[in-house]
Amino acid sequence: MSVRNYEMAHEYGVTPYIKPKDNAVFRLHLANAYEAHVLFAPRFPGRWSSVHHWRAKAECAIHSKRAVFGDVVRGRLRSSRMNQEICRDIVHNIRMSIMDRHGG
């Protein structure tokens, strides 16, 4: 949680959602985009919780995929590694649908 990390993520086109710590002190006049973005959580708590909810769901899906299929992606070409991840996503979604329907 630093200005440098925020700027690097922003350069790659990622929108970082950073929740400020409980003891954070905010200035009256914001110095940079990082401070404005960190203030997103206290200013818009409803929008923050919906964004954070989707992030938690994505992390849960990644964890369950890795628990079932393992961490290793086998493939020499980037396209074959990407296809393997897409297939894992499809199989994960099918597994979750079956488990939801039949209680697993």
Protein backbone atom coordinates (compact mmCIF):
# COMPACT_ATOMS: atom_id res chain seq x y z
CA MET A 1 0.00 0.00 0.00
CA SER A 2 2.27 2.72 -1.29
CA VAL A 3 2.22 5.47 -3.87
CA ARG A 4 4.81 3.60 -5.95
CA ASN A 5 2.70 0.40 -6.05
CA TYR A 6 -0.40 2.40 -6.90
CA GLU A 7 1.35 4.17 -9.79
CA MET A 8 2.76 0.90 -11.14
CA ALA A 9 -0.67 -0.74 -11.07
CA HIS A 10 -2.17 2.33 -12.75
CA GLU A 11 0.48 2.14 -15.53
CA TYR A 12 -0.62 -1.43 -16.30
CA GLY A 13 -4.25 -0.33 -16.52
CA VAL A 14 -5.31 -1.93 -13.24
CA THR A 15 -7.69 -0.08 -10.95
CA PRO A 16 -6.47 -0.73 -7.42
CA TYR A 17 -9.11 -0.61 -4.70
CA ILE A 18 -7.24 0.10 -1.50
CA LYS A 19 -9.01 0.25 1.84
CA PRO A 20 -7.31 2.67 4.22
CA LYS A 21 -6.13 1.44 7.58
CA ASP A 22 -8.26 2.23 10.62
CA ASN A 23 -5.71 4.71 11.97
CA ALA A 24 -5.19 6.56 8.66
CA VAL A 25 -5.17 10.35 8.79
CA PHE A 26 -6.44 12.17 5.71
CA ARG A 27 -5.47 15.64 4.59
CA LEU A 28 -7.99 18.30 3.75
CA HIS A 29 -6.38 18.89 0.34
CA LEU A 30 -5.36 15.72 -1.47
CA ALA A 31 -1.80 15.69 -2.81
CA ASN A 32 -2.10 13.05 -5.56
CA ALA A 33 -4.33 10.47 -7.21
CA TYR A 34 -3.28 7.81 -4.70
CA GLU A 35 -4.78 9.72 -1.78
CA ALA A 36 -7.98 10.34 -3.73
CA HIS A 37 -8.29 6.66 -4.57
CA VAL A 38 -7.66 5.55 -0.99
CA LEU A 39 -10.50 7.81 0.12
CA PHE A 40 -12.93 5.89 -2.11
CA ALA A 41 -13.82 3.47 0.72
CA PRO A 42 -14.82 5.99 3.39
CA ARG A 43 -16.53 8.35 0.93
CA PHE A 44 -18.61 5.71 -0.88
CA PRO A 45 -19.11 2.78 1.51
CA GLY A 46 -21.92 1.21 -0.53
CA ARG A 47 -19.94 1.17 -3.76
CA TRP A 48 -16.83 0.02 -1.90
CA SER A 49 -18.60 -2.98 -0.38
CA SER A 50 -19.94 -4.08 -3.78
CA VAL A 51 -16.48 -3.83 -5.37
CA HIS A 52 -14.85 -5.58 -2.44
CA HIS A 53 -17.52 -8.32 -2.58
CA TRP A 54 -16.64 -9.14 -6.20
CA ARG A 55 -12.93 -9.17 -5.34
CA ALA A 56 -13.56 -11.65 -2.52
CA LYS A 57 -15.61 -13.87 -4.85
CA ALA A 58 -12.81 -13.86 -7.44
CA GLU A 59 -10.18 -14.75 -4.84
CA CYS A 60 -12.38 -17.58 -3.56
CA ALA A 61 -12.77 -18.98 -7.08
CA ILE A 62 -9.02 -18.83 -7.69
CA HIS A 63 -8.35 -20.60 -4.39
CA SER A 64 -10.83 -23.41 -5.11
CA LYS A 65 -9.44 -23.88 -8.65
CA ARG A 66 -5.93 -24.20 -7.28
CA ALA A 67 -7.08 -26.64 -4.60
CA VAL A 68 -8.63 -28.93 -7.21
CA PHE A 69 -6.29 -28.59 -10.19
CA GLY A 70 -3.05 -27.58 -8.51
CA ASP A 71 -0.85 -24.59 -9.14
CA VAL A 72 1.14 -25.86 -12.12
CA VAL A 73 0.19 -24.87 -15.66
CA ARG A 74 1.79 -27.13 -18.23
CA GLY A 75 2.42 -25.69 -21.63
CA ARG A 76 5.30 -24.20 -23.53
CA LEU A 77 3.43 -21.61 -25.52
CA ARG A 78 1.63 -18.74 -23.92
CA SER A 79 -1.50 -19.57 -25.92
CA SER A 80 -1.54 -23.17 -24.64
CA ARG A 81 -1.15 -21.99 -21.03
CA MET A 82 -3.98 -19.53 -21.55
CA ASN A 83 -6.18 -22.25 -23.09
CA GLN A 84 -5.47 -24.50 -20.11
CA GLU A 85 -6.58 -21.77 -17.70
CA ILE A 86 -9.75 -21.16 -19.72
CA CYS A 87 -10.52 -24.91 -19.63
CA ARG A 88 -9.95 -24.92 -15.87
CA ASP A 89 -12.39 -22.02 -15.54
CA ILE A 90 -15.02 -23.87 -17.55
CA VAL A 91 -14.59 -27.09 -15.57
CA HIS A 92 -14.68 -25.13 -12.30
CA ASN A 93 -17.96 -23.46 -13.31
CA ILE A 94 -19.47 -26.82 -14.26
CA ARG A 95 -18.34 -28.34 -10.93
CA MET A 96 -19.85 -25.46 -8.98
CA SER A 97 -23.15 -25.78 -10.87
CA ILE A 98 -23.33 -29.50 -10.17
CA MET A 99 -22.39 -29.03 -6.51
CA ASP A 100 -25.00 -26.30 -6.16
CA ARG A 101 -27.72 -28.39 -7.76
CA HIS A 102 -26.97 -31.70 -6.05
CA GLY A 103 -25.49 -30.42 -2.80
CA GLY A 104 -21.87 -31.35 -2.77
